[in-house]
């Protein structure tokens, strides 16, 4: 059995950028000071080929070029102790300083420049995408289901503050952004106005409602599906601008209740909800050729409900006996 890598606790650094750069500079200065001090103590083991005298300025010069380069040969160690110090102390210091400079340049220059370029390149193509605010168990399940229904992974933009969640989303092929989705600037970065839909599953009802409110403020026409776990928060979520509010706890209760009244009702409801079932629920606009026909007369599936002017009507109600232009049809179709 393959060994699993140990889990690692992670926490975002609380140091500002200037402090992070500052400690690197201090580390280099401390290492140089150490090398200068030892070279000064061991100055009798050094030889200056220019004038034969090794001054403190010569020590500074020799240490600097020894740490940053391989030296020029004008000052050389001649004693065994000086050579041993240069071999086993100065050489590792040189390697460490080079790696420190390269790491600093990568973190604060190259990586940031690359990330900005990549973000700009992704933003240029962001249109008709789906924004996922929160990639926990619920958000990831929603993405998996949409991918199973034919949605391309590259069409998702995931916003989350958890690195592990973002790593899983990135592995699926989604674009990711580690940020707070309650902020206007973050939602504007993911082109919320050009999005086709948004799923809000932040894990906390108050956070989900605030994200919904922020998104609705920026994109008045955007379809937003918000997950809340407390029934009391369904109305605030709708007031915040959620087009659809889903309560997984209530839905689970409905499934459990259905299982008590029939052995197969829950299976069929799950079948309808999942793309992996034999049948599926579909929503579409009425076609011109269907106007005037009863809902029971559509040929694409089994019509169960229509929405007219935002109001729902079942297949048995009089409004469903003659379809009108602008109706939205809910039908049961064969799953592909």
C-alpha atoms as a PDB file:
ATOM      1  CA  UNK A   1       0.000   0.000   0.000  1.00  0.00           C
ATOM      2  CA  UNK A   2       1.346   3.412  -0.982  1.00  0.00           C
ATOM      3  CA  UNK A   3       2.305   5.712   1.853  1.00  0.00           C
ATOM      4  CA  UNK A   4       0.178   8.816   2.201  1.00  0.00           C
ATOM      5  CA  UNK A   5       1.954  12.146   2.763  1.00  0.00           C
ATOM      6  CA  UNK A   6       1.426  13.522   6.276  1.00  0.00           C
ATOM      7  CA  UNK A   7      -1.214  16.200   6.707  1.00  0.00           C
ATOM      8  CA  UNK A   8       0.215  19.666   7.228  1.00  0.00           C
ATOM      9  CA  UNK A   9      -1.310  22.443   9.252  1.00  0.00           C
ATOM     10  CA  UNK A  10      -1.295  25.672   7.268  1.00  0.00           C
ATOM     11  CA  UNK A  11      -2.006  29.260   8.177  1.00  0.00           C
ATOM     12  CA  UNK A  12      -1.803  32.390   6.099  1.00  0.00           C
ATOM     13  CA  UNK A  13       1.206  34.515   7.013  1.00  0.00           C
ATOM     14  CA  UNK A  14       0.329  37.557   9.089  1.00  0.00           C
ATOM     15  CA  UNK A  15       3.464  39.431   7.954  1.00  0.00           C
ATOM     16  CA  UNK A  16       2.985  42.305   5.516  1.00  0.00           C
ATOM     17  CA  UNK A  17       5.040  42.317   2.316  1.00  0.00           C
ATOM     18  CA  UNK A  18       7.615  44.814   3.637  1.00  0.00           C
ATOM     19  CA  UNK A  19       8.191  42.712   6.751  1.00  0.00           C
ATOM     20  CA  UNK A  20       8.540  39.528   4.715  1.00  0.00           C
ATOM     21  CA  UNK A  21      11.187  41.170   2.528  1.00  0.00           C
ATOM     22  CA  UNK A  22      12.777  42.779   5.596  1.00  0.00           C
ATOM     23  CA  UNK A  23      13.492  39.531   7.406  1.00  0.00           C
ATOM     24  CA  UNK A  24      15.158  38.170   4.267  1.00  0.00           C
ATOM     25  CA  UNK A  25      17.417  41.219   4.111  1.00  0.00           C
ATOM     26  CA  UNK A  26      18.222  40.880   7.813  1.00  0.00           C
ATOM     27  CA  UNK A  27      19.063  37.193   7.315  1.00  0.00           C
ATOM     28  CA  UNK A  28      21.513  38.049   4.524  1.00  0.00           C
ATOM     29  CA  UNK A  29      23.084  40.865   6.592  1.00  0.00           C
ATOM     30  CA  UNK A  30      23.421  38.552   9.607  1.00  0.00           C
ATOM     31  CA  UNK A  31      25.132  35.878   7.532  1.00  0.00           C
ATOM     32  CA  UNK A  32      27.485  38.441   6.001  1.00  0.00           C
ATOM     33  CA  UNK A  33      28.255  39.820   9.454  1.00  0.00           C
ATOM     34  CA  UNK A  34      29.063  36.308  10.672  1.00  0.00           C
ATOM     35  CA  UNK A  35      31.403  35.690   7.745  1.00  0.00           C
ATOM     36  CA  UNK A  36      33.055  39.115   8.170  1.00  0.00           C
ATOM     37  CA  UNK A  37      33.586  38.487  11.885  1.00  0.00           C
ATOM     38  CA  UNK A  38      35.220  35.101  11.394  1.00  0.00           C
ATOM     39  CA  UNK A  39      37.340  36.364   8.486  1.00  0.00           C
ATOM     40  CA  UNK A  40      38.520  39.253  10.645  1.00  0.00           C
ATOM     41  CA  UNK A  41      39.493  36.874  13.434  1.00  0.00           C
ATOM     42  CA  UNK A  42      41.241  34.623  10.904  1.00  0.00           C
ATOM     43  CA  UNK A  43      42.759  37.501   8.901  1.00  0.00           C
ATOM     44  CA  UNK A  44      46.242  36.104   9.419  1.00  0.00           C
ATOM     45  CA  UNK A  45      45.152  33.146   7.310  1.00  0.00           C
ATOM     46  CA  UNK A  46      44.326  35.424   4.345  1.00  0.00           C
ATOM     47  CA  UNK A  47      46.809  36.791   1.837  1.00  0.00           C
ATOM     48  CA  UNK A  48      46.411  40.024  -0.136  1.00  0.00           C
ATOM     49  CA  UNK A  49      48.413  39.687  -3.350  1.00  0.00           C
ATOM     50  CA  UNK A  50      48.209  43.445  -3.943  1.00  0.00           C
ATOM     51  CA  UNK A  51      49.972  44.916  -0.888  1.00  0.00           C
ATOM     52  CA  UNK A  52      50.392  41.979   1.486  1.00  0.00           C
ATOM     53  CA  UNK A  53      48.280  43.686   4.181  1.00  0.00           C
ATOM     54  CA  UNK A  54      44.735  42.584   4.995  1.00  0.00           C
ATOM     55  CA  UNK A  55      42.701  45.493   6.356  1.00  0.00           C
ATOM     56  CA  UNK A  56      39.100  45.520   7.587  1.00  0.00           C
ATOM     57  CA  UNK A  57      38.072  46.995   4.224  1.00  0.00           C
ATOM     58  CA  UNK A  58      39.802  44.045   2.565  1.00  0.00           C
ATOM     59  CA  UNK A  59      37.824  41.707   4.823  1.00  0.00           C
ATOM     60  CA  UNK A  60      34.535  43.348   3.794  1.00  0.00           C
ATOM     61  CA  UNK A  61      35.561  43.133   0.138  1.00  0.00           C
ATOM     62  CA  UNK A  62      36.727  39.526   0.337  1.00  0.00           C
ATOM     63  CA  UNK A  63      33.636  38.381   2.253  1.00  0.00           C
ATOM     64  CA  UNK A  64      31.258  40.116  -0.165  1.00  0.00           C
ATOM     65  CA  UNK A  65      32.755  38.626  -3.293  1.00  0.00           C
ATOM     66  CA  UNK A  66      33.167  35.213  -1.635  1.00  0.00           C
ATOM     67  CA  UNK A  67      29.478  35.079  -0.675  1.00  0.00           C
ATOM     68  CA  UNK A  68      28.141  36.483  -3.939  1.00  0.00           C
ATOM     69  CA  UNK A  69      30.701  35.094  -6.438  1.00  0.00           C
ATOM     70  CA  UNK A  70      33.624  32.698  -6.527  1.00  0.00           C
ATOM     71  CA  UNK A  71      36.185  35.460  -5.856  1.00  0.00           C
ATOM     72  CA  UNK A  72      38.771  37.137  -8.055  1.00  0.00           C
ATOM     73  CA  UNK A  73      41.958  35.653  -6.562  1.00  0.00           C
ATOM     74  CA  UNK A  74      43.407  38.946  -5.297  1.00  0.00           C
ATOM     75  CA  UNK A  75      42.720  37.907  -1.688  1.00  0.00           C
ATOM     76  CA  UNK A  76      42.948  34.204  -0.934  1.00  0.00           C
ATOM     77  CA  UNK A  77      42.816  31.971   2.151  1.00  0.00           C
ATOM     78  CA  UNK A  78      46.196  30.390   2.828  1.00  0.00           C
ATOM     79  CA  UNK A  79      45.828  28.838   6.290  1.00  0.00           C
ATOM     80  CA  UNK A  80      44.002  25.566   6.828  1.00  0.00           C
ATOM     81  CA  UNK A  81      41.483  27.143   9.207  1.00  0.00           C
ATOM     82  CA  UNK A  82      40.611  29.913   6.731  1.00  0.00           C
ATOM     83  CA  UNK A  83      40.219  27.425   3.907  1.00  0.00           C
ATOM     84  CA  UNK A  84      38.061  25.133   6.054  1.00  0.00           C
ATOM     85  CA  UNK A  85      35.857  28.077   7.037  1.00  0.00           C
ATOM     86  CA  UNK A  86      35.405  29.107   3.393  1.00  0.00           C
ATOM     87  CA  UNK A  87      34.712  25.522   2.319  1.00  0.00           C
ATOM     88  CA  UNK A  88      32.212  24.523   4.996  1.00  0.00           C
ATOM     89  CA  UNK A  89      30.686  27.823   6.114  1.00  0.00           C
ATOM     90  CA  UNK A  90      31.029  30.448   3.381  1.00  0.00           C
ATOM     91  CA  UNK A  91      30.001  28.094   0.549  1.00  0.00           C
ATOM     92  CA  UNK A  92      26.704  27.070   2.236  1.00  0.00           C
ATOM     93  CA  UNK A  93      26.092  30.751   3.045  1.00  0.00           C
ATOM     94  CA  UNK A  94      26.627  31.564  -0.648  1.00  0.00           C
ATOM     95  CA  UNK A  95      24.113  28.901  -1.715  1.00  0.00           C
ATOM     96  CA  UNK A  96      21.595  30.031   0.906  1.00  0.00           C
ATOM     97  CA  UNK A  97      21.884  33.703  -0.095  1.00  0.00           C
ATOM     98  CA  UNK A  98      21.444  32.879  -3.788  1.00  0.00           C
ATOM     99  CA  UNK A  99      18.370  30.741  -3.071  1.00  0.00           C
ATOM    100  CA  UNK A 100      17.004  33.445  -0.783  1.00  0.00           C
ATOM    101  CA  UNK A 101      17.363  36.085  -3.490  1.00  0.00           C
ATOM    102  CA  UNK A 102      15.843  33.792  -6.127  1.00  0.00           C
ATOM    103  CA  UNK A 103      12.927  32.906  -3.826  1.00  0.00           C
ATOM    104  CA  UNK A 104      12.299  36.563  -3.009  1.00  0.00           C
ATOM    105  CA  UNK A 105      12.400  37.546  -6.672  1.00  0.00           C
ATOM    106  CA  UNK A 106       9.995  34.715  -7.533  1.00  0.00           C
ATOM    107  CA  UNK A 107       7.528  35.438  -4.719  1.00  0.00           C
ATOM    108  CA  UNK A 108       7.393  39.195  -5.003  1.00  0.00           C
ATOM    109  CA  UNK A 109       8.176  39.867  -8.658  1.00  0.00           C
ATOM    110  CA  UNK A 110       7.929  36.927 -11.031  1.00  0.00           C
ATOM    111  CA  UNK A 111       5.022  35.074  -9.368  1.00  0.00           C
ATOM    112  CA  UNK A 112       2.933  38.199  -8.892  1.00  0.00           C
ATOM    113  CA  UNK A 113       3.572  39.351 -12.436  1.00  0.00           C
ATOM    114  CA  UNK A 114       2.724  35.905 -13.777  1.00  0.00           C
ATOM    115  CA  UNK A 115      -0.427  35.670 -11.628  1.00  0.00           C
ATOM    116  CA  UNK A 116      -1.615  39.087 -12.820  1.00  0.00           C
ATOM    117  CA  UNK A 117      -0.972  38.147 -16.442  1.00  0.00           C
ATOM    118  CA  UNK A 118      -2.789  34.823 -16.050  1.00  0.00           C
ATOM    119  CA  UNK A 119      -5.731  36.477 -14.304  1.00  0.00           C
ATOM    120  CA  UNK A 120      -6.032  39.090 -17.055  1.00  0.00           C
ATOM    121  CA  UNK A 121      -5.911  36.339 -19.701  1.00  0.00           C
ATOM    122  CA  UNK A 122      -8.683  34.365 -17.948  1.00  0.00           C
ATOM    123  CA  UNK A 123     -10.796  37.480 -17.404  1.00  0.00           C
ATOM    124  CA  UNK A 124     -10.733  38.316 -21.113  1.00  0.00           C
ATOM    125  CA  UNK A 125     -12.557  35.052 -21.859  1.00  0.00           C
ATOM    126  CA  UNK A 126     -14.959  35.119 -18.917  1.00  0.00           C
ATOM    127  CA  UNK A 127     -18.501  35.303 -20.260  1.00  0.00           C
ATOM    128  CA  UNK A 128     -21.437  32.983 -19.768  1.00  0.00           C
ATOM    129  CA  UNK A 129     -19.584  31.289 -16.907  1.00  0.00           C
ATOM    130  CA  UNK A 130     -20.900  29.994 -13.579  1.00  0.00           C
ATOM    131  CA  UNK A 131     -19.549  31.493 -10.358  1.00  0.00           C
ATOM    132  CA  UNK A 132     -19.322  29.151  -7.361  1.00  0.00           C
ATOM    133  CA  UNK A 133     -18.964  30.968  -4.038  1.00  0.00           C
ATOM    134  CA  UNK A 134     -17.848  28.242  -1.651  1.00  0.00           C
ATOM    135  CA  UNK A 135     -16.397  24.886  -2.709  1.00  0.00           C
ATOM    136  CA  UNK A 136     -17.221  22.788   0.330  1.00  0.00           C
ATOM    137  CA  UNK A 137     -19.208  19.557   0.158  1.00  0.00           C
ATOM    138  CA  UNK A 138     -22.330  21.241  -1.254  1.00  0.00           C
ATOM    139  CA  UNK A 139     -20.563  23.483  -3.761  1.00  0.00           C
ATOM    140  CA  UNK A 140     -18.339  20.675  -5.044  1.00  0.00           C
ATOM    141  CA  UNK A 141     -21.326  18.335  -5.418  1.00  0.00           C
ATOM    142  CA  UNK A 142     -23.124  20.994  -7.453  1.00  0.00           C
ATOM    143  CA  UNK A 143     -20.112  21.396  -9.747  1.00  0.00           C
ATOM    144  CA  UNK A 144     -19.756  17.615 -10.164  1.00  0.00           C
ATOM    145  CA  UNK A 145     -23.437  17.338 -11.105  1.00  0.00           C
ATOM    146  CA  UNK A 146     -23.222  20.175 -13.614  1.00  0.00           C
ATOM    147  CA  UNK A 147     -20.116  18.637 -15.180  1.00  0.00           C
ATOM    148  CA  UNK A 148     -21.990  15.329 -15.448  1.00  0.00           C
ATOM    149  CA  UNK A 149     -24.742  17.220 -17.268  1.00  0.00           C
ATOM    150  CA  UNK A 150     -22.284  18.418 -19.876  1.00  0.00           C
ATOM    151  CA  UNK A 151     -20.972  21.697 -18.465  1.00  0.00           C
ATOM    152  CA  UNK A 152     -17.272  22.219 -19.159  1.00  0.00           C
ATOM    153  CA  UNK A 153     -15.058  22.487 -16.031  1.00  0.00           C
ATOM    154  CA  UNK A 154     -13.341  25.550 -17.518  1.00  0.00           C
ATOM    155  CA  UNK A 155     -16.712  27.308 -17.417  1.00  0.00           C
ATOM    156  CA  UNK A 156     -16.659  27.440 -13.599  1.00  0.00           C
ATOM    157  CA  UNK A 157     -15.013  30.115 -11.466  1.00  0.00           C
ATOM    158  CA  UNK A 158     -14.657  29.051  -7.831  1.00  0.00           C
ATOM    159  CA  UNK A 159     -14.197  31.591  -5.042  1.00  0.00           C
ATOM    160  CA  UNK A 160     -13.132  30.257  -1.648  1.00  0.00           C
ATOM    161  CA  UNK A 161     -10.787  31.149   1.189  1.00  0.00           C
ATOM    162  CA  UNK A 162      -9.741  27.552   1.856  1.00  0.00           C
ATOM    163  CA  UNK A 163      -6.590  26.413   0.031  1.00  0.00           C
ATOM    164  CA  UNK A 164      -7.571  22.736   0.093  1.00  0.00           C
ATOM    165  CA  UNK A 165     -10.977  23.464  -1.429  1.00  0.00           C
ATOM    166  CA  UNK A 166      -9.350  25.536  -4.161  1.00  0.00           C
ATOM    167  CA  UNK A 167      -6.819  22.779  -4.856  1.00  0.00           C
ATOM    168  CA  UNK A 168      -9.682  20.317  -5.428  1.00  0.00           C
ATOM    169  CA  UNK A 169     -11.501  22.787  -7.661  1.00  0.00           C
ATOM    170  CA  UNK A 170      -8.348  23.482  -9.656  1.00  0.00           C
ATOM    171  CA  UNK A 171      -7.764  19.739 -10.079  1.00  0.00           C
ATOM    172  CA  UNK A 172     -11.225  19.515 -11.657  1.00  0.00           C
ATOM    173  CA  UNK A 173     -10.250  22.155 -14.216  1.00  0.00           C
ATOM    174  CA  UNK A 174     -12.067  25.120 -12.681  1.00  0.00           C
ATOM    175  CA  UNK A 175     -10.646  28.633 -12.511  1.00  0.00           C
ATOM    176  CA  UNK A 176     -10.099  29.510  -8.855  1.00  0.00           C
ATOM    177  CA  UNK A 177      -9.702  32.640  -6.782  1.00  0.00           C
ATOM    178  CA  UNK A 178      -8.700  32.634  -3.114  1.00  0.00           C
ATOM    179  CA  UNK A 179     -10.644  35.583  -1.773  1.00  0.00           C
ATOM    180  CA  UNK A 180     -13.652  36.810   0.186  1.00  0.00           C
ATOM    181  CA  UNK A 181     -16.719  36.646  -2.085  1.00  0.00           C
ATOM    182  CA  UNK A 182     -18.599  39.234  -0.002  1.00  0.00           C
ATOM    183  CA  UNK A 183     -16.461  42.036  -1.470  1.00  0.00           C
ATOM    184  CA  UNK A 184     -17.546  43.981  -4.551  1.00  0.00           C
ATOM    185  CA  UNK A 185     -14.029  44.048  -6.012  1.00  0.00           C
ATOM    186  CA  UNK A 186     -13.700  40.255  -5.879  1.00  0.00           C
ATOM    187  CA  UNK A 187     -16.981  39.653  -7.682  1.00  0.00           C
ATOM    188  CA  UNK A 188     -16.026  42.241 -10.263  1.00  0.00           C
ATOM    189  CA  UNK A 189     -12.718  40.397 -10.761  1.00  0.00           C
ATOM    190  CA  UNK A 190     -14.660  37.261 -11.754  1.00  0.00           C
ATOM    191  CA  UNK A 191     -16.820  39.304 -14.145  1.00  0.00           C
ATOM    192  CA  UNK A 192     -20.044  38.729 -12.221  1.00  0.00           C
ATOM    193  CA  UNK A 193     -22.032  40.867 -14.670  1.00  0.00           C
ATOM    194  CA  UNK A 194     -21.061  38.586 -17.568  1.00  0.00           C
ATOM    195  CA  UNK A 195     -21.819  35.357 -15.650  1.00  0.00           C
ATOM    196  CA  UNK A 196     -24.658  33.031 -16.661  1.00  0.00           C
ATOM    197  CA  UNK A 197     -25.441  31.954 -13.083  1.00  0.00           C
ATOM    198  CA  UNK A 198     -24.101  31.904  -9.540  1.00  0.00           C
ATOM    199  CA  UNK A 199     -24.216  29.266  -6.798  1.00  0.00           C
ATOM    200  CA  UNK A 200     -23.678  30.483  -3.242  1.00  0.00           C
ATOM    201  CA  UNK A 201     -22.691  27.769  -0.751  1.00  0.00           C
ATOM    202  CA  UNK A 202     -20.460  29.533   1.750  1.00  0.00           C
ATOM    203  CA  UNK A 203     -21.200  27.125   4.611  1.00  0.00           C
ATOM    204  CA  UNK A 204     -22.667  29.834   6.861  1.00  0.00           C
ATOM    205  CA  UNK A 205     -26.099  31.309   6.245  1.00  0.00           C
ATOM    206  CA  UNK A 206     -25.084  34.859   7.154  1.00  0.00           C
ATOM    207  CA  UNK A 207     -22.090  34.742   4.806  1.00  0.00           C
ATOM    208  CA  UNK A 208     -24.157  33.208   1.996  1.00  0.00           C
ATOM    209  CA  UNK A 209     -26.809  35.898   2.365  1.00  0.00           C
ATOM    210  CA  UNK A 210     -24.205  38.674   2.334  1.00  0.00           C
ATOM    211  CA  UNK A 211     -22.581  37.208  -0.801  1.00  0.00           C
ATOM    212  CA  UNK A 212     -26.017  37.020  -2.428  1.00  0.00           C
ATOM    213  CA  UNK A 213     -26.734  40.647  -1.541  1.00  0.00           C
ATOM    214  CA  UNK A 214     -23.380  41.773  -2.956  1.00  0.00           C
ATOM    215  CA  UNK A 215     -23.842  39.800  -6.181  1.00  0.00           C
ATOM    216  CA  UNK A 216     -27.395  41.067  -6.667  1.00  0.00           C
ATOM    217  CA  UNK A 217     -26.208  44.631  -6.191  1.00  0.00           C
ATOM    218  CA  UNK A 218     -23.620  44.180  -8.957  1.00  0.00           C
ATOM    219  CA  UNK A 219     -25.671  41.982 -11.315  1.00  0.00           C
ATOM    220  CA  UNK A 220     -29.423  42.718 -11.042  1.00  0.00           C
ATOM    221  CA  UNK A 221     -30.414  40.094 -13.646  1.00  0.00           C
ATOM    222  CA  UNK A 222     -28.093  37.271 -12.598  1.00  0.00           C
ATOM    223  CA  UNK A 223     -29.750  33.958 -11.592  1.00  0.00           C
ATOM    224  CA  UNK A 224     -28.481  33.222  -8.066  1.00  0.00           C
ATOM    225  CA  UNK A 225     -29.013  29.930  -6.243  1.00  0.00           C
ATOM    226  CA  UNK A 226     -28.277  30.191  -2.535  1.00  0.00           C
ATOM    227  CA  UNK A 227     -27.978  27.367  -0.013  1.00  0.00           C
ATOM    228  CA  UNK A 228     -29.143  28.040   3.553  1.00  0.00           C
ATOM    229  CA  UNK A 229     -29.320  25.511   6.374  1.00  0.00           C
ATOM    230  CA  UNK A 230     -31.711  27.308   8.699  1.00  0.00           C
ATOM    231  CA  UNK A 231     -35.333  27.550   7.598  1.00  0.00           C
ATOM    232  CA  UNK A 232     -35.595  31.003   9.196  1.00  0.00           C
ATOM    233  CA  UNK A 233     -32.975  32.289   6.759  1.00  0.00           C
ATOM    234  CA  UNK A 234     -34.840  31.333   3.579  1.00  0.00           C
ATOM    235  CA  UNK A 235     -36.828  34.593   3.548  1.00  0.00           C
ATOM    236  CA  UNK A 236     -33.743  36.813   4.187  1.00  0.00           C
ATOM    237  CA  UNK A 237     -31.922  34.975   1.380  1.00  0.00           C
ATOM    238  CA  UNK A 238     -34.767  35.729  -1.031  1.00  0.00           C
ATOM    239  CA  UNK A 239     -34.879  39.326   0.187  1.00  0.00           C
ATOM    240  CA  UNK A 240     -31.137  39.579  -0.488  1.00  0.00           C
ATOM    241  CA  UNK A 241     -31.799  38.699  -4.130  1.00  0.00           C
ATOM    242  CA  UNK A 242     -31.560  34.917  -4.403  1.00  0.00           C
ATOM    243  CA  UNK A 243     -33.482  33.602  -7.389  1.00  0.00           C
ATOM    244  CA  UNK A 244     -33.598  30.143  -5.836  1.00  0.00           C
ATOM    245  CA  UNK A 245     -33.146  29.222  -2.188  1.00  0.00           C
ATOM    246  CA  UNK A 246     -32.281  25.624  -1.347  1.00  0.00           C
ATOM    247  CA  UNK A 247     -32.425  24.197   2.152  1.00  0.00           C
ATOM    248  CA  UNK A 248     -30.662  20.805   2.120  1.00  0.00           C
ATOM    249  CA  UNK A 249     -31.955  20.019   5.598  1.00  0.00           C
ATOM    250  CA  UNK A 250     -35.582  20.568   4.557  1.00  0.00           C
ATOM    251  CA  UNK A 251     -35.062  18.599   1.343  1.00  0.00           C
ATOM    252  CA  UNK A 252     -33.596  15.705   3.297  1.00  0.00           C
ATOM    253  CA  UNK A 253     -36.632  15.823   5.575  1.00  0.00           C
ATOM    254  CA  UNK A 254     -38.962  15.657   2.565  1.00  0.00           C
ATOM    255  CA  UNK A 255     -37.104  12.610   1.244  1.00  0.00           C
ATOM    256  CA  UNK A 256     -37.318  10.891   4.617  1.00  0.00           C
ATOM    257  CA  UNK A 257     -41.044  11.648   4.877  1.00  0.00           C
ATOM    258  CA  UNK A 258     -41.632  10.313   1.369  1.00  0.00           C
ATOM    259  CA  UNK A 259     -39.812   7.099   2.232  1.00  0.00           C
ATOM    260  CA  UNK A 260     -42.334   6.482   5.017  1.00  0.00           C
ATOM    261  CA  UNK A 261     -45.327   6.648   2.675  1.00  0.00           C
ATOM    262  CA  UNK A 262     -43.911   4.576  -0.176  1.00  0.00           C
ATOM    263  CA  UNK A 263     -40.896   2.368  -0.727  1.00  0.00           C
ATOM    264  CA  UNK A 264     -40.042   3.833  -4.145  1.00  0.00           C
ATOM    265  CA  UNK A 265     -40.950   7.523  -3.858  1.00  0.00           C
ATOM    266  CA  UNK A 266     -37.555   8.584  -2.534  1.00  0.00           C
ATOM    267  CA  UNK A 267     -35.733   6.622  -5.242  1.00  0.00           C
ATOM    268  CA  UNK A 268     -37.791   8.321  -7.914  1.00  0.00           C
ATOM    269  CA  UNK A 269     -37.221  11.792  -6.457  1.00  0.00           C
ATOM    270  CA  UNK A 270     -33.480  11.174  -6.373  1.00  0.00           C
ATOM    271  CA  UNK A 271     -33.718   9.839  -9.910  1.00  0.00           C
ATOM    272  CA  UNK A 272     -35.322  13.091 -11.021  1.00  0.00           C
ATOM    273  CA  UNK A 273     -32.757  15.253  -9.263  1.00  0.00           C
ATOM    274  CA  UNK A 274     -29.626  13.485 -10.557  1.00  0.00           C
ATOM    275  CA  UNK A 275     -28.303  13.310 -14.095  1.00  0.00           C
ATOM    276  CA  UNK A 276     -27.346   9.687 -13.448  1.00  0.00           C
ATOM    277  CA  UNK A 277     -30.997   8.581 -13.180  1.00  0.00           C
ATOM    278  CA  UNK A 278     -33.212   7.163 -15.905  1.00  0.00           C
ATOM    279  CA  UNK A 279     -35.333  10.307 -16.024  1.00  0.00           C
ATOM    280  CA  UNK A 280     -34.589  13.943 -15.311  1.00  0.00           C
ATOM    281  CA  UNK A 281     -36.371  17.227 -14.755  1.00  0.00           C
ATOM    282  CA  UNK A 282     -35.898  19.850 -17.465  1.00  0.00           C
ATOM    283  CA  UNK A 283     -36.888  23.482 -17.735  1.00  0.00           C
ATOM    284  CA  UNK A 284     -37.395  25.351 -21.002  1.00  0.00           C
ATOM    285  CA  UNK A 285     -39.408  28.076 -22.679  1.00  0.00           C
ATOM    286  CA  UNK A 286     -42.521  27.184 -24.614  1.00  0.00           C
ATOM    287  CA  UNK A 287     -41.923  26.802 -28.347  1.00  0.00           C
ATOM    288  CA  UNK A 288     -44.029  28.813 -30.859  1.00  0.00           C
ATOM    289  CA  UNK A 289     -45.558  25.616 -32.241  1.00  0.00           C
ATOM    290  CA  UNK A 290     -46.785  24.673 -28.750  1.00  0.00           C
ATOM    291  CA  UNK A 291     -48.709  27.893 -28.051  1.00  0.00           C
ATOM    292  CA  UNK A 292     -52.404  27.080 -27.596  1.00  0.00           C
ATOM    293  CA  UNK A 293     -51.797  23.388 -26.928  1.00  0.00           C
ATOM    294  CA  UNK A 294     -52.354  21.801 -23.511  1.00  0.00           C
ATOM    295  CA  UNK A 295     -49.344  21.008 -21.359  1.00  0.00           C
ATOM    296  CA  UNK A 296     -50.221  17.332 -21.681  1.00  0.00           C
ATOM    297  CA  UNK A 297     -49.804  17.609 -25.454  1.00  0.00           C
ATOM    298  CA  UNK A 298     -46.083  18.487 -25.589  1.00  0.00           C
ATOM    299  CA  UNK A 299     -43.934  15.932 -27.389  1.00  0.00           C
ATOM    300  CA  UNK A 300     -40.565  16.481 -25.709  1.00  0.00           C
ATOM    301  CA  UNK A 301     -41.455  15.002 -22.340  1.00  0.00           C
ATOM    302  CA  UNK A 302     -44.062  14.700 -19.624  1.00  0.00           C
ATOM    303  CA  UNK A 303     -45.195  18.214 -18.691  1.00  0.00           C
ATOM    304  CA  UNK A 304     -45.791  18.630 -14.951  1.00  0.00           C
ATOM    305  CA  UNK A 305     -45.882  22.401 -14.404  1.00  0.00           C
ATOM    306  CA  UNK A 306     -45.783  25.763 -16.113  1.00  0.00           C
ATOM    307  CA  UNK A 307     -44.718  29.176 -14.892  1.00  0.00           C
ATOM    308  CA  UNK A 308     -46.706  32.101 -16.244  1.00  0.00           C
ATOM    309  CA  UNK A 309     -45.934  35.598 -15.057  1.00  0.00           C
ATOM    310  CA  UNK A 310     -43.833  34.116 -12.275  1.00  0.00           C
ATOM    311  CA  UNK A 311     -46.734  32.033 -10.951  1.00  0.00           C
ATOM    312  CA  UNK A 312     -46.650  28.200 -10.953  1.00  0.00           C
ATOM    313  CA  UNK A 313     -49.527  26.117 -12.336  1.00  0.00           C
ATOM    314  CA  UNK A 314     -49.690  22.323 -12.281  1.00  0.00           C
ATOM    315  CA  UNK A 315     -50.676  20.189 -15.268  1.00  0.00           C
ATOM    316  CA  UNK A 316     -54.200  19.774 -13.791  1.00  0.00           C
ATOM    317  CA  UNK A 317     -55.016  23.481 -13.502  1.00  0.00           C
ATOM    318  CA  UNK A 318     -56.984  25.355 -16.183  1.00  0.00           C
ATOM    319  CA  UNK A 319     -54.027  27.600 -17.077  1.00  0.00           C
ATOM    320  CA  UNK A 320     -52.116  24.504 -18.255  1.00  0.00           C
ATOM    321  CA  UNK A 321     -54.815  23.571 -20.781  1.00  0.00           C
ATOM    322  CA  UNK A 322     -53.622  26.209 -23.256  1.00  0.00           C
ATOM    323  CA  UNK A 323     -49.940  27.164 -23.343  1.00  0.00           C
ATOM    324  CA  UNK A 324     -49.171  30.848 -23.922  1.00  0.00           C
ATOM    325  CA  UNK A 325     -46.153  32.642 -25.338  1.00  0.00           C
ATOM    326  CA  UNK A 326     -43.587  33.283 -22.585  1.00  0.00           C
ATOM    327  CA  UNK A 327     -44.570  30.255 -20.491  1.00  0.00           C
ATOM    328  CA  UNK A 328     -41.820  28.257 -18.801  1.00  0.00           C
ATOM    329  CA  UNK A 329     -42.351  24.501 -18.977  1.00  0.00           C
ATOM    330  CA  UNK A 330     -41.160  22.033 -16.352  1.00  0.00           C
ATOM    331  CA  UNK A 331     -41.106  18.540 -17.809  1.00  0.00           C
ATOM    332  CA  UNK A 332     -39.836  15.061 -17.071  1.00  0.00           C
ATOM    333  CA  UNK A 333     -37.591  13.805 -19.861  1.00  0.00           C
ATOM    334  CA  UNK A 334     -35.552  10.706 -20.536  1.00  0.00           C
ATOM    335  CA  UNK A 335     -32.060  11.176 -19.144  1.00  0.00           C
ATOM    336  CA  UNK A 336     -29.354  11.177 -21.788  1.00  0.00           C
END
